Amino acid sequence: MGYQETEFVMFKSEKKTRAALSVLAVMLGAAAAPVSSFAQDASADAPAQAAGAPRLGWYKTCSKQEDNDVCVVQNVVLAGGGQLVTGVGLISVTGKINNKSLQVSVPPARLIPPGIAMQIDGGKAQKIDYLMCMPDRCVAQIPLTDAMIASLKKGTDLVLTSINFRRAPNPIKISLEGFTGAYDGEAVSQSKLAESQKSLQDSMQKKADEARKKLEDAQKAAKAQ
C-alpha cells in the first residue's frame, strides 16, 4: 500500500485548471500505488485509531509541471489498515502561475455545508469549504496566507474536524513537529521518499500479519474448547 493521490482544482480559468490538475502526481506521494478506498462507515474515522497509525510526518515534494514549479508540504494520517484518514498539503505553484493553497482530504460521507474546521493549538477555528467530493474522498481547499504559515510554524498541534454522515464531528490531530523544517528545507528526493514509504508499508504489513495470527490463534483456541 502507498498513499492515495488526490486531485485539486484551485484556479478559475481553463488554462489554470489544467495546470492544477497536472499536480495530481505530486499531492500525497505521487509515485506510490494507491491505498485501499476509504470505508464509507469510516471506522478509520476514530482519532484513537489514527493516533497509533504509521506515518511519514511532514515532508516536501517538488516537481516541474509545464512552465510551473510545484512544491507540496504534506502530512498524511493513516488508519491501522492503511486507509487514508486525513491528508493535508500546503501547495505552492510558481512560474507562469503563482498560487498558494492549503488542501485537506478526508473520507467521503461528509456533511458538506459545515466544511472542515482548522484549529492551531486550540485557537479560533477557520472554516475550509469543500472543493469537491468523489466516491473515495472529499477535498477542501483555502488560499494559503503568510499569516497561516507563520501560525503553523509557531504551533504545536493542528486539528482538522469534519462532520460525518451521522452528524458527528471527527477531529483529527496532527502534530506540527517537523513542519518548519519541511517547509523551509529541501524537498525529499524520490529515492528517499520511496525508501520511507517502503519502511511504512513493511511496518503496516507486519502489524497486519500480527493481527491475523492473533485471530487465527483465538479461533484455534475456541475450536479446541
Protein backbone atom coordinates (compact mmCIF):
# COMPACT_ATOMS: atom_id res chain seq x y z
CA MET A 1 0.00 0.00 0.00
CA GLY A 2 1.06 3.56 -0.59
CA TYR A 3 -0.58 6.92 -0.45
CA GLN A 4 -3.63 7.69 -2.45
CA GLU A 5 -3.23 10.54 -4.89
CA THR A 6 -5.67 13.41 -4.72
CA GLU A 7 -6.74 15.96 -7.31
CA PHE A 8 -7.22 19.61 -6.70
CA VAL A 9 -8.65 22.41 -8.82
CA MET A 10 -7.74 25.84 -7.50
CA PHE A 11 -7.94 28.16 -10.47
CA LYS A 12 -10.86 29.63 -12.39
CA SER A 13 -9.54 29.80 -15.93
CA GLU A 14 -9.37 26.70 -18.12
CA LYS A 15 -5.63 27.06 -18.59
CA LYS A 16 -5.02 27.35 -14.86
CA THR A 17 -7.31 24.43 -14.16
CA ARG A 18 -5.31 22.22 -16.50
CA ALA A 19 -2.13 23.27 -14.71
CA ALA A 20 -3.68 22.48 -11.34
CA LEU A 21 -4.80 19.04 -12.43
CA SER A 22 -1.27 18.25 -13.59
CA VAL A 23 -0.20 18.44 -9.96
CA LEU A 24 -2.17 15.24 -9.38
CA ALA A 25 1.10 13.32 -9.37
CA VAL A 26 2.53 15.47 -6.59
CA MET A 27 -0.05 15.58 -3.82
CA LEU A 28 0.19 12.86 -1.17
CA GLY A 29 3.13 10.92 -2.55
CA ALA A 30 2.70 10.58 -6.26
CA ALA A 31 4.99 7.69 -7.04
CA ALA A 32 3.22 5.28 -4.71
CA ALA A 33 0.42 2.87 -5.51
CA PRO A 34 -3.00 3.83 -4.15
CA VAL A 35 -4.11 2.74 -0.71
CA SER A 36 -7.38 0.96 -0.06
CA SER A 37 -10.51 3.02 -0.54
CA PHE A 38 -11.96 4.88 2.41
CA ALA A 39 -14.53 2.93 4.39
CA GLN A 40 -17.92 4.57 3.93
CA ASP A 41 -18.80 3.82 7.53
CA ALA A 42 -15.32 5.10 8.31
CA SER A 43 -14.33 3.08 11.33
CA ALA A 44 -11.00 4.65 10.40
CA ASP A 45 -12.54 7.97 11.45
CA ALA A 46 -11.76 7.33 15.09
CA PRO A 47 -8.99 9.65 16.31
CA ALA A 48 -7.76 6.90 18.64
CA GLN A 49 -7.05 4.69 15.65
CA ALA A 50 -5.41 7.48 13.71
CA ALA A 51 -3.18 8.36 16.65
CA GLY A 52 -1.48 4.97 16.56
CA ALA A 53 -1.25 4.68 12.81
CA PRO A 54 2.05 4.69 10.92
CA ARG A 55 3.04 7.89 9.17
CA LEU A 56 5.87 9.74 7.47
CA GLY A 57 5.35 13.05 9.26
CA TRP A 58 5.80 16.37 7.43
CA TYR A 59 7.75 16.29 4.19
CA LYS A 60 8.09 18.30 0.99
CA THR A 61 7.96 17.13 -2.61
CA CYS A 62 8.64 19.32 -5.63
CA SER A 63 8.22 18.83 -9.36
CA LYS A 64 8.18 20.71 -12.64
CA GLN A 65 4.70 20.95 -14.17
CA GLU A 66 4.87 22.50 -17.66
CA ASP A 67 6.04 26.10 -17.03
CA ASN A 68 5.50 25.96 -13.28
CA ASP A 69 7.39 24.74 -10.24
CA VAL A 70 5.10 22.96 -7.78
CA CYS A 71 6.01 22.15 -4.18
CA VAL A 72 3.75 20.43 -1.66
CA VAL A 73 4.46 20.26 2.07
CA GLN A 74 2.26 17.48 3.34
CA ASN A 75 1.32 15.14 6.15
CA VAL A 76 -0.84 12.05 5.92
CA VAL A 77 -2.76 10.27 8.69
CA LEU A 78 -3.48 6.60 8.03
CA ALA A 79 -5.73 4.16 9.82
CA GLY A 80 -4.19 0.95 11.11
CA GLY A 81 -5.30 -0.87 7.96
CA GLY A 82 -3.65 1.68 5.70
CA GLN A 83 -6.72 3.73 4.75
CA LEU A 84 -6.19 7.45 4.47
CA VAL A 85 -7.94 9.23 7.34
CA THR A 86 -6.75 12.78 6.67
CA GLY A 87 -4.24 14.30 4.28
CA VAL A 88 -3.14 17.93 4.46
CA GLY A 89 -0.98 19.68 1.88
CA LEU A 90 0.37 23.21 1.52
CA ILE A 91 0.68 23.72 -2.22
CA SER A 92 2.92 26.40 -3.77
CA VAL A 93 2.88 26.99 -7.52
CA THR A 94 5.38 29.44 -9.06
CA GLY A 95 6.15 30.33 -12.67
CA LYS A 96 3.53 31.34 -15.21
CA ILE A 97 1.04 30.67 -12.43
CA ASN A 98 1.68 31.89 -8.90
CA ASN A 99 -0.63 30.50 -6.28
CA LYS A 100 -0.58 29.10 -2.75
CA SER A 101 -3.31 26.99 -1.20
CA LEU A 102 -3.93 24.64 1.69
CA GLN A 103 -5.81 21.47 0.84
CA VAL A 104 -7.32 18.85 3.13
CA SER A 105 -8.60 15.41 2.10
CA VAL A 106 -10.96 13.38 4.31
CA PRO A 107 -13.10 10.25 3.84
CA PRO A 108 -16.39 10.55 1.93
CA ALA A 109 -19.86 10.64 3.52
CA ARG A 110 -19.22 14.10 5.00
CA LEU A 111 -21.75 16.85 5.58
CA ILE A 112 -20.84 19.50 3.02
CA PRO A 113 -22.13 22.83 4.46
CA PRO A 114 -20.01 22.75 7.66
CA GLY A 115 -16.80 22.25 5.67
CA ILE A 116 -13.67 21.35 7.63
CA ALA A 117 -12.72 23.32 10.74
CA MET A 118 -9.00 24.00 11.16
CA GLN A 119 -7.57 24.90 14.58
CA ILE A 120 -4.00 25.52 15.62
CA ASP A 121 -3.32 24.91 19.32
CA GLY A 122 -6.99 25.24 20.21
CA GLY A 123 -7.31 28.70 18.69
CA LYS A 124 -10.24 30.08 16.75
CA ALA A 125 -11.46 27.58 14.16
CA GLN A 126 -11.16 28.54 10.50
CA LYS A 127 -13.62 27.02 8.04
CA ILE A 128 -12.29 25.33 4.90
CA ASP A 129 -15.01 24.84 2.30
CA TYR A 130 -15.17 21.63 0.28
CA LEU A 131 -13.92 21.90 -3.26
CA MET A 132 -15.17 18.53 -4.47
CA CYS A 133 -16.34 15.14 -3.22
CA MET A 134 -15.60 11.87 -5.01
CA PRO A 135 -16.52 8.26 -4.18
CA ASP A 136 -13.35 7.77 -2.17
CA ARG A 137 -12.74 11.17 -0.57
CA CYS A 138 -13.79 14.78 -0.11
CA VAL A 139 -11.34 17.60 -0.73
CA ALA A 140 -11.47 21.03 0.90
CA GLN A 141 -9.28 23.99 0.00
CA ILE A 142 -8.48 27.51 1.15
CA PRO A 143 -5.97 30.15 0.00
CA LEU A 144 -2.70 29.84 1.92
CA THR A 145 -1.58 33.11 3.53
CA ASP A 146 1.69 34.17 5.13
CA ALA A 147 -0.14 34.55 8.46
CA MET A 148 -1.37 30.98 8.23
CA ILE A 149 2.14 29.69 7.51
CA ALA A 150 3.53 31.67 10.45
CA SER A 151 0.88 30.22 12.78
CA LEU A 152 1.66 26.68 11.65
CA LYS A 153 5.37 27.25 12.24
CA LYS A 154 4.73 28.54 15.77
CA GLY A 155 2.12 25.92 16.61
CA THR A 156 2.28 22.58 18.36
CA ASP A 157 -0.79 20.78 17.04
CA LEU A 158 -3.13 21.13 14.08
CA VAL A 159 -6.69 19.82 14.47
CA LEU A 160 -8.86 19.25 11.41
CA THR A 161 -12.52 18.48 12.10
CA SER A 162 -15.02 17.25 9.52
CA ILE A 163 -18.62 16.22 10.19
CA ASN A 164 -19.53 12.70 9.14
CA PHE A 165 -22.88 11.49 7.81
CA ARG A 166 -24.03 10.70 11.36
CA ARG A 167 -23.63 14.42 12.09
CA ALA A 168 -20.79 13.60 14.47
CA PRO A 169 -17.62 15.71 14.47
CA ASN A 170 -14.48 13.82 13.51
CA PRO A 171 -11.46 15.73 14.85
CA ILE A 172 -8.04 14.55 13.69
CA LYS A 173 -4.98 15.94 15.49
CA ILE A 174 -1.73 16.28 13.55
CA SER A 175 1.49 17.23 15.32
CA LEU A 176 3.26 20.25 13.85
CA GLU A 177 6.63 18.92 14.93
CA GLY A 178 8.89 18.97 11.90
CA PHE A 179 6.62 21.31 9.92
CA THR A 180 9.03 24.26 9.85
CA GLY A 181 11.95 22.08 8.78
CA ALA A 182 9.89 20.56 5.98
CA TYR A 183 8.50 23.90 4.81
CA ASP A 184 11.81 25.77 4.83
CA GLY A 185 14.02 22.82 3.93
CA GLU A 186 14.85 20.97 0.77
CA ALA A 187 12.39 18.68 -0.97
CA VAL A 188 12.62 14.96 -0.32
CA SER A 189 14.23 13.06 -3.18
CA GLN A 190 12.18 10.40 -4.92
CA SER A 191 14.59 7.70 -3.73
CA LYS A 192 14.34 8.83 -0.11
CA LEU A 193 10.56 9.09 -0.35
CA ALA A 194 10.34 5.59 -1.84
CA GLU A 195 12.57 4.28 0.96
CA SER A 196 10.38 5.89 3.63
CA GLN A 197 7.21 4.60 2.01
CA LYS A 198 8.63 1.07 1.82
CA SER A 199 9.51 1.22 5.51
CA LEU A 200 5.97 2.38 6.24
CA GLN A 201 4.47 -0.39 4.12
CA ASP A 202 6.65 -3.02 5.84
CA SER A 203 5.51 -1.74 9.23
CA MET A 204 1.86 -1.89 8.20
CA GLN A 205 2.29 -5.39 6.76
CA LYS A 206 3.94 -6.58 9.98
CA LYS A 207 1.03 -5.24 12.04
CA ALA A 208 -1.46 -6.89 9.69
CA ASP A 209 0.36 -10.23 9.97
CA GLU A 210 0.43 -9.98 13.77
CA ALA A 211 -3.29 -9.20 13.89
CA ARG A 212 -4.08 -12.11 11.58
CA LYS A 213 -2.00 -14.51 13.69
CA LYS A 214 -3.79 -13.41 16.87
CA LEU A 215 -7.14 -14.03 15.19
CA GLU A 216 -6.05 -17.46 13.95
CA ASP A 217 -4.75 -18.40 17.41
CA ALA A 218 -8.01 -17.28 19.00
CA GLN A 219 -10.01 -19.35 16.52
CA LYS A 220 -7.86 -22.42 17.17
CA ALA A 221 -8.27 -21.98 20.92
CA ALA A 222 -12.04 -21.68 20.54
CA LYS A 223 -12.20 -24.90 18.47
CA ALA A 224 -10.06 -26.73 20.99
CA GLN A 225 -12.51 -25.88 23.73
